[in-house]
C-alpha cells in the first residue's frame, strides 16, 4: 500500500493538508479560526479586512436559496487593528493563518498588507473580486490594475501573496488578469469568489437582500468554478486554490483533478459542519490509495493528462 502524504506546497507555504477555510466564514475571531484549525483544516483564512472599520450593507444580508447561500455583507469588518489581535490568538493555537485583505486602491492594499504582516501571518490573500462591493467588482477584471496592485504589494512584503479572482467575467479576460498577476509575482491564485445573483420576494415585489444584489455561493456555482480552475491550469504555472461549492470529498477531488493544488471550503460548513475538513481529507486519502498515489500533487491536473 502506498504511503499517503496529504501535505501540499503552495509556493513557499507548506500546508498539512489541502483544505482551507474560505474567507468570510468563521474568520472574524481568533476563537473561531482555532475551532476550524482544530477541526482539521490545513489552513484558515480570515474574513476580508480593511484599514478602517466598514459597517457594511443594511439587512437582510444573508438568505438561503436553492443550491446555496446568497449574501450581501458589504465586506463589513472591524478594521485591521482588531483583526490583528484575533490572528494572534489563532496563531497561538498553532494555526496556519492567511489574512484576507482589501482596499479602495493600490496604496490601501499596500498599507493593509503592511499592517496585517505584523501579526506573523503565513500568507496574504488580496480580495480583488467581491461581487457586491462596487470598488472590488471591477478590480479583478482589470489586468493592468491587478498587475499594479500585486507589484506594489510584493515590493513591500516578503509574505507569500495570493489573489482571489472573480468568476463573473468572460474567460479570455480572466486569463489575462491571471497571467498579469503571475507576471507581477503573485504566489498563488484563488478562484473563484461568489457569483453575482439576486432573489425576489413575490409578496413584497422587491429584492430580499437589503443591497438587492449579492454573491451566490454553494453547490450551484461548483460547475462554474470548476471550469475556471480547469482553464486557469492551462494558463498559469503557479498554484491554484479552487473554491466554490465544495460539499463532499468528491467535490474537492474534482477540483484537484481539474488543476487545483488545494481547495477552500466555506458554505460547505453549513451543509456538513466542521467535520467537513476531516471528511474531505479522508476522501482524498481513499482516492489516493485506490490510485496508488503517494502525494496530493500527483492528483493536481490529472484531467489534463488524458
Protein backbone atom coordinates (compact mmCIF):
# COMPACT_ATOMS: atom_id res chain seq x y z
CA UNK A 1 0.00 0.00 0.00
CA UNK A 2 1.26 3.48 -0.92
CA UNK A 3 2.37 5.78 1.88
CA UNK A 4 -0.14 8.63 1.79
CA UNK A 5 1.13 12.17 2.33
CA UNK A 6 -1.58 14.85 2.46
CA UNK A 7 0.87 17.74 2.81
CA UNK A 8 0.87 20.27 -0.02
CA UNK A 9 3.13 23.13 -1.08
CA UNK A 10 1.62 26.39 -2.27
CA UNK A 11 4.79 28.06 -3.42
CA UNK A 12 6.86 28.61 -0.28
CA UNK A 13 3.91 27.91 2.02
CA UNK A 14 3.57 24.34 3.29
CA UNK A 15 0.18 23.06 4.49
CA UNK A 16 -0.56 19.91 6.48
CA UNK A 17 -3.38 19.06 4.06
CA UNK A 18 -5.06 20.67 1.00
CA UNK A 19 -8.17 22.06 2.73
CA UNK A 20 -8.54 25.69 3.78
CA UNK A 21 -11.29 27.70 5.40
CA UNK A 22 -12.55 30.23 2.83
CA UNK A 23 -12.64 33.94 3.68
CA UNK A 24 -15.93 35.21 5.10
CA UNK A 25 -16.92 32.13 7.12
CA UNK A 26 -15.94 31.87 10.81
CA UNK A 27 -12.97 34.10 10.12
CA UNK A 28 -13.62 37.08 12.34
CA UNK A 29 -12.39 35.87 15.74
CA UNK A 30 -9.33 34.04 16.91
CA UNK A 31 -11.54 31.52 18.71
CA UNK A 32 -13.48 30.60 15.57
CA UNK A 33 -10.32 30.36 13.47
CA UNK A 34 -8.85 28.00 16.06
CA UNK A 35 -12.02 25.89 16.06
CA UNK A 36 -11.70 25.37 12.32
CA UNK A 37 -7.99 24.62 12.62
CA UNK A 38 -8.65 22.10 15.40
CA UNK A 39 -11.35 20.54 13.21
CA UNK A 40 -8.68 19.58 10.70
CA UNK A 41 -8.31 22.37 8.14
CA UNK A 42 -4.89 22.70 6.53
CA UNK A 43 -5.08 26.49 6.94
CA UNK A 44 -7.62 29.16 7.84
CA UNK A 45 -8.36 32.41 6.00
CA UNK A 46 -9.60 35.44 7.91
CA UNK A 47 -12.60 37.49 6.94
CA UNK A 48 -11.58 40.18 4.45
CA UNK A 49 -10.39 43.22 6.39
CA UNK A 50 -9.59 46.82 5.55
CA UNK A 51 -7.55 49.58 7.19
CA UNK A 52 -10.60 51.13 8.83
CA UNK A 53 -13.85 49.54 10.02
CA UNK A 54 -16.57 49.04 7.40
CA UNK A 55 -20.19 48.93 8.52
CA UNK A 56 -21.46 47.01 5.51
CA UNK A 57 -24.90 46.94 3.91
CA UNK A 58 -28.31 47.08 5.58
CA UNK A 59 -30.13 43.80 6.18
CA UNK A 60 -31.22 41.33 5.25
CA UNK A 61 -27.66 40.36 4.43
CA UNK A 62 -27.89 36.60 4.00
CA UNK A 63 -30.58 34.34 2.57
CA UNK A 64 -30.57 30.63 1.86
CA UNK A 65 -31.56 29.76 -1.72
CA UNK A 66 -31.87 26.56 -3.67
CA UNK A 67 -28.31 25.40 -4.20
CA UNK A 68 -26.52 27.60 -1.69
CA UNK A 69 -26.38 30.94 0.07
CA UNK A 70 -26.80 34.48 -1.18
CA UNK A 71 -25.07 37.19 0.82
CA UNK A 72 -24.52 40.92 0.60
CA UNK A 73 -22.48 41.74 3.68
CA UNK A 74 -20.75 44.71 2.11
CA UNK A 75 -17.39 43.46 3.46
CA UNK A 76 -18.33 44.59 6.96
CA UNK A 77 -15.35 44.25 9.30
CA UNK A 78 -13.93 45.87 12.44
CA UNK A 79 -10.75 47.10 10.76
CA UNK A 80 -7.18 45.88 10.77
CA UNK A 81 -6.30 46.79 14.38
CA UNK A 82 -8.97 44.48 15.77
CA UNK A 83 -8.23 41.56 13.45
CA UNK A 84 -4.52 41.69 14.35
CA UNK A 85 -5.36 40.61 17.89
CA UNK A 86 -7.65 37.83 16.65
CA UNK A 87 -4.95 36.47 14.33
CA UNK A 88 -2.52 36.35 17.23
CA UNK A 89 -4.99 34.18 19.15
CA UNK A 90 -5.28 31.78 16.22
CA UNK A 91 -1.50 31.66 15.78
CA UNK A 92 -1.03 30.82 19.45
CA UNK A 93 -3.22 27.80 18.81
CA UNK A 94 -0.79 26.62 16.15
CA UNK A 95 -2.95 27.56 13.16
CA UNK A 96 -1.62 28.37 9.71
CA UNK A 97 -3.32 31.70 9.01
CA UNK A 98 -3.87 33.51 5.72
CA UNK A 99 -5.01 37.12 6.03
CA UNK A 100 -7.65 38.24 3.53
CA UNK A 101 -7.45 41.98 2.81
CA UNK A 102 -8.96 44.62 0.56
CA UNK A 103 -8.58 48.30 -0.20
CA UNK A 104 -10.02 51.06 -2.36
CA UNK A 105 -6.79 51.40 -4.36
CA UNK A 106 -3.25 50.03 -4.61
CA UNK A 107 -1.97 52.25 -1.77
CA UNK A 108 -4.60 50.95 0.62
CA UNK A 109 -3.76 47.38 -0.35
CA UNK A 110 -0.10 48.03 0.42
CA UNK A 111 -0.89 49.71 3.74
CA UNK A 112 -3.25 46.99 4.96
CA UNK A 113 -0.79 44.24 3.96
CA UNK A 114 1.94 46.01 5.95
CA UNK A 115 -0.33 46.13 8.97
CA UNK A 116 -1.56 42.55 8.83
CA UNK A 117 2.01 41.36 8.41
CA UNK A 118 2.64 42.46 11.98
CA UNK A 119 0.55 39.51 13.16
CA UNK A 120 3.02 36.98 11.72
CA UNK A 121 0.53 35.60 9.19
CA UNK A 122 1.64 32.84 6.84
CA UNK A 123 0.30 34.40 3.63
CA UNK A 124 -1.95 37.23 2.50
CA UNK A 125 -4.86 36.90 0.07
CA UNK A 126 -5.77 40.05 -1.86
CA UNK A 127 -9.53 40.16 -2.34
CA UNK A 128 -9.93 41.60 -5.83
CA UNK A 129 -13.33 40.13 -6.52
CA UNK A 130 -16.19 40.77 -4.10
CA UNK A 131 -19.26 40.83 -6.42
CA UNK A 132 -21.34 43.15 -4.24
CA UNK A 133 -18.72 45.73 -3.26
CA UNK A 134 -18.51 48.34 -6.00
CA UNK A 135 -14.76 49.05 -5.91
CA UNK A 136 -13.73 45.39 -5.96
CA UNK A 137 -16.35 44.46 -8.51
CA UNK A 138 -14.05 45.58 -11.33
CA UNK A 139 -10.55 45.35 -9.83
CA UNK A 140 -10.16 41.65 -10.53
CA UNK A 141 -11.39 42.14 -14.08
CA UNK A 142 -8.66 44.65 -14.98
CA UNK A 143 -5.30 43.05 -15.95
CA UNK A 144 -3.32 46.29 -15.64
CA UNK A 145 -4.77 47.24 -12.25
CA UNK A 146 -4.33 43.72 -10.91
CA UNK A 147 -0.70 43.71 -12.03
CA UNK A 148 -0.09 47.11 -10.45
CA UNK A 149 -1.61 46.12 -7.10
CA UNK A 150 0.34 42.86 -6.92
CA UNK A 151 3.60 44.57 -7.89
CA UNK A 152 3.22 47.28 -5.26
CA UNK A 153 2.32 44.77 -2.55
CA UNK A 154 5.19 42.43 -3.44
CA UNK A 155 7.64 45.33 -3.12
CA UNK A 156 6.62 45.87 0.49
CA UNK A 157 6.33 42.35 1.94
CA UNK A 158 8.14 39.03 2.00
CA UNK A 159 4.93 37.22 2.97
CA UNK A 160 3.53 34.95 0.22
CA UNK A 161 0.88 36.90 -1.72
CA UNK A 162 -2.25 35.36 -3.26
CA UNK A 163 -5.01 36.98 -5.27
CA UNK A 164 -8.66 35.96 -5.19
CA UNK A 165 -10.20 36.45 -8.62
CA UNK A 166 -13.86 36.65 -9.68
CA UNK A 167 -15.95 34.12 -11.53
CA UNK A 168 -18.16 36.76 -13.13
CA UNK A 169 -16.00 37.67 -16.11
CA UNK A 170 -15.53 36.13 -19.52
CA UNK A 171 -12.78 33.52 -19.84
CA UNK A 172 -10.34 35.38 -22.16
CA UNK A 173 -10.25 38.42 -19.90
CA UNK A 174 -9.98 36.34 -16.74
CA UNK A 175 -6.97 34.53 -18.16
CA UNK A 176 -5.35 37.89 -18.97
CA UNK A 177 -5.92 39.01 -15.39
CA UNK A 178 -4.48 35.77 -14.01
CA UNK A 179 -1.45 36.00 -16.29
CA UNK A 180 -0.84 39.61 -15.30
CA UNK A 181 -0.91 38.60 -11.62
CA UNK A 182 1.55 35.80 -12.30
CA UNK A 183 3.90 38.14 -14.18
CA UNK A 184 3.70 40.59 -11.26
CA UNK A 185 4.96 37.86 -8.94
CA UNK A 186 1.86 36.58 -7.16
CA UNK A 187 2.47 33.26 -5.41
CA UNK A 188 -0.95 31.63 -5.89
CA UNK A 189 -4.43 32.32 -7.27
CA UNK A 190 -7.74 31.57 -5.54
CA UNK A 191 -10.67 31.04 -7.90
CA UNK A 192 -13.45 31.86 -7.60
CA UNK A 193 -15.32 34.23 -5.38
CA UNK A 194 -19.11 34.22 -5.11
CA UNK A 195 -21.18 34.91 -8.25
CA UNK A 196 -23.46 37.99 -8.55
CA UNK A 197 -27.08 36.96 -8.06
CA UNK A 198 -30.38 38.01 -6.51
CA UNK A 199 -33.64 36.61 -5.18
CA UNK A 200 -37.07 38.26 -5.12
CA UNK A 201 -39.87 38.30 -2.56
CA UNK A 202 -43.02 37.98 -4.64
CA UNK A 203 -45.30 39.20 -1.84
CA UNK A 204 -43.27 42.38 -1.40
CA UNK A 205 -42.39 42.53 -5.10
CA UNK A 206 -38.84 43.50 -4.31
CA UNK A 207 -35.40 42.04 -3.72
CA UNK A 208 -34.95 40.11 -0.49
CA UNK A 209 -31.46 41.40 0.26
CA UNK A 210 -31.05 44.91 1.57
CA UNK A 211 -28.45 45.58 -1.12
CA UNK A 212 -30.62 43.80 -3.73
CA UNK A 213 -27.70 42.01 -5.43
CA UNK A 214 -25.45 39.64 -3.51
CA UNK A 215 -22.92 36.89 -4.04
CA UNK A 216 -24.06 33.31 -4.59
CA UNK A 217 -22.03 30.51 -3.01
CA UNK A 218 -22.56 26.80 -2.60
CA UNK A 219 -23.25 23.81 -4.86
CA UNK A 220 -24.95 25.93 -7.53
CA UNK A 221 -21.66 27.58 -8.54
CA UNK A 222 -19.45 24.48 -8.46
CA UNK A 223 -19.58 23.79 -12.24
CA UNK A 224 -18.63 27.41 -12.93
CA UNK A 225 -15.70 27.41 -10.53
CA UNK A 226 -14.62 24.01 -11.83
CA UNK A 227 -14.37 25.32 -15.37
CA UNK A 228 -12.37 28.32 -14.21
CA UNK A 229 -9.85 26.13 -12.39
CA UNK A 230 -9.57 23.87 -15.42
CA UNK A 231 -8.93 26.80 -17.79
CA UNK A 232 -6.60 28.54 -15.36
CA UNK A 233 -4.41 25.46 -15.03
CA UNK A 234 -3.67 25.72 -18.75
CA UNK A 235 -2.72 29.38 -18.43
CA UNK A 236 -0.54 29.81 -15.32
CA UNK A 237 2.25 27.82 -13.70
CA UNK A 238 1.65 28.97 -10.12
CA UNK A 239 -0.55 27.07 -7.61
CA UNK A 240 -4.33 27.39 -7.87
CA UNK A 241 -6.66 27.20 -4.87
CA UNK A 242 -10.11 26.07 -6.01
CA UNK A 243 -13.19 27.43 -4.29
CA UNK A 244 -16.92 27.26 -4.93
CA UNK A 245 -19.46 24.63 -3.95
CA UNK A 246 -17.31 22.02 -2.23
CA UNK A 247 -19.64 19.91 -0.09
CA UNK A 248 -18.30 16.37 -0.43
CA UNK A 249 -14.87 14.74 -0.69
CA UNK A 250 -15.65 14.02 -4.34
CA UNK A 251 -16.18 17.74 -4.97
CA UNK A 252 -12.74 18.53 -3.58
CA UNK A 253 -11.09 15.75 -5.56
CA UNK A 254 -12.71 17.02 -8.77
CA UNK A 255 -11.17 20.45 -8.17
CA UNK A 256 -7.76 18.87 -7.66
CA UNK A 257 -8.12 16.77 -10.80
CA UNK A 258 -9.14 19.92 -12.70
CA UNK A 259 -5.92 21.65 -11.68
CA UNK A 260 -6.17 22.96 -8.12
CA UNK A 261 -3.36 22.35 -5.64
CA UNK A 262 -5.69 22.95 -2.69
CA UNK A 263 -9.32 23.88 -2.01
CA UNK A 264 -11.17 26.39 0.12
CA UNK A 265 -14.38 25.44 1.93
CA UNK A 266 -16.97 27.93 3.15
CA UNK A 267 -20.66 27.31 2.56
CA UNK A 268 -19.94 23.58 2.83
CA UNK A 269 -19.69 24.05 6.60
CA UNK A 270 -23.40 24.91 6.64
CA UNK A 271 -24.17 21.57 5.00
CA UNK A 272 -21.68 19.29 6.78
CA UNK A 273 -20.48 21.12 9.87
CA UNK A 274 -16.82 21.46 10.78
CA UNK A 275 -16.44 17.71 10.22
CA UNK A 276 -16.24 18.52 6.51
CA UNK A 277 -12.48 19.13 6.69
CA UNK A 278 -11.68 15.68 8.05
CA UNK A 279 -14.27 14.09 5.73
CA UNK A 280 -12.66 15.69 2.68
CA UNK A 281 -9.16 14.68 3.79
CA UNK A 282 -10.30 11.10 4.41
CA UNK A 283 -11.91 11.02 0.96
CA UNK A 284 -8.75 12.33 -0.70
CA UNK A 285 -6.70 9.73 1.13
CA UNK A 286 -9.04 6.93 -0.03
CA UNK A 287 -8.82 8.18 -3.62
CA UNK A 288 -5.03 8.21 -3.45
CA UNK A 289 -4.93 4.69 -2.03
CA UNK A 290 -7.18 3.46 -4.83
CA UNK A 291 -4.98 5.10 -7.46
CA UNK A 292 -1.70 4.11 -5.83
CA UNK A 293 -0.66 7.73 -5.33
CA UNK A 294 1.57 8.96 -2.52
CA UNK A 295 1.34 12.76 -2.72
CA UNK A 296 -1.57 15.14 -3.31
CA UNK A 297 0.42 16.90 -6.02
CA UNK A 298 0.04 13.75 -8.12
CA UNK A 299 -3.71 14.41 -8.31
CA UNK A 300 -3.40 18.03 -9.45
CA UNK A 301 -4.24 18.39 -13.14
CA UNK A 302 -4.97 14.73 -13.84
CA UNK A 303 -7.79 15.82 -16.15
CA UNK A 304 -5.20 17.40 -18.44
CA UNK A 305 -3.11 14.27 -18.87
CA UNK A 306 -5.73 12.08 -20.57
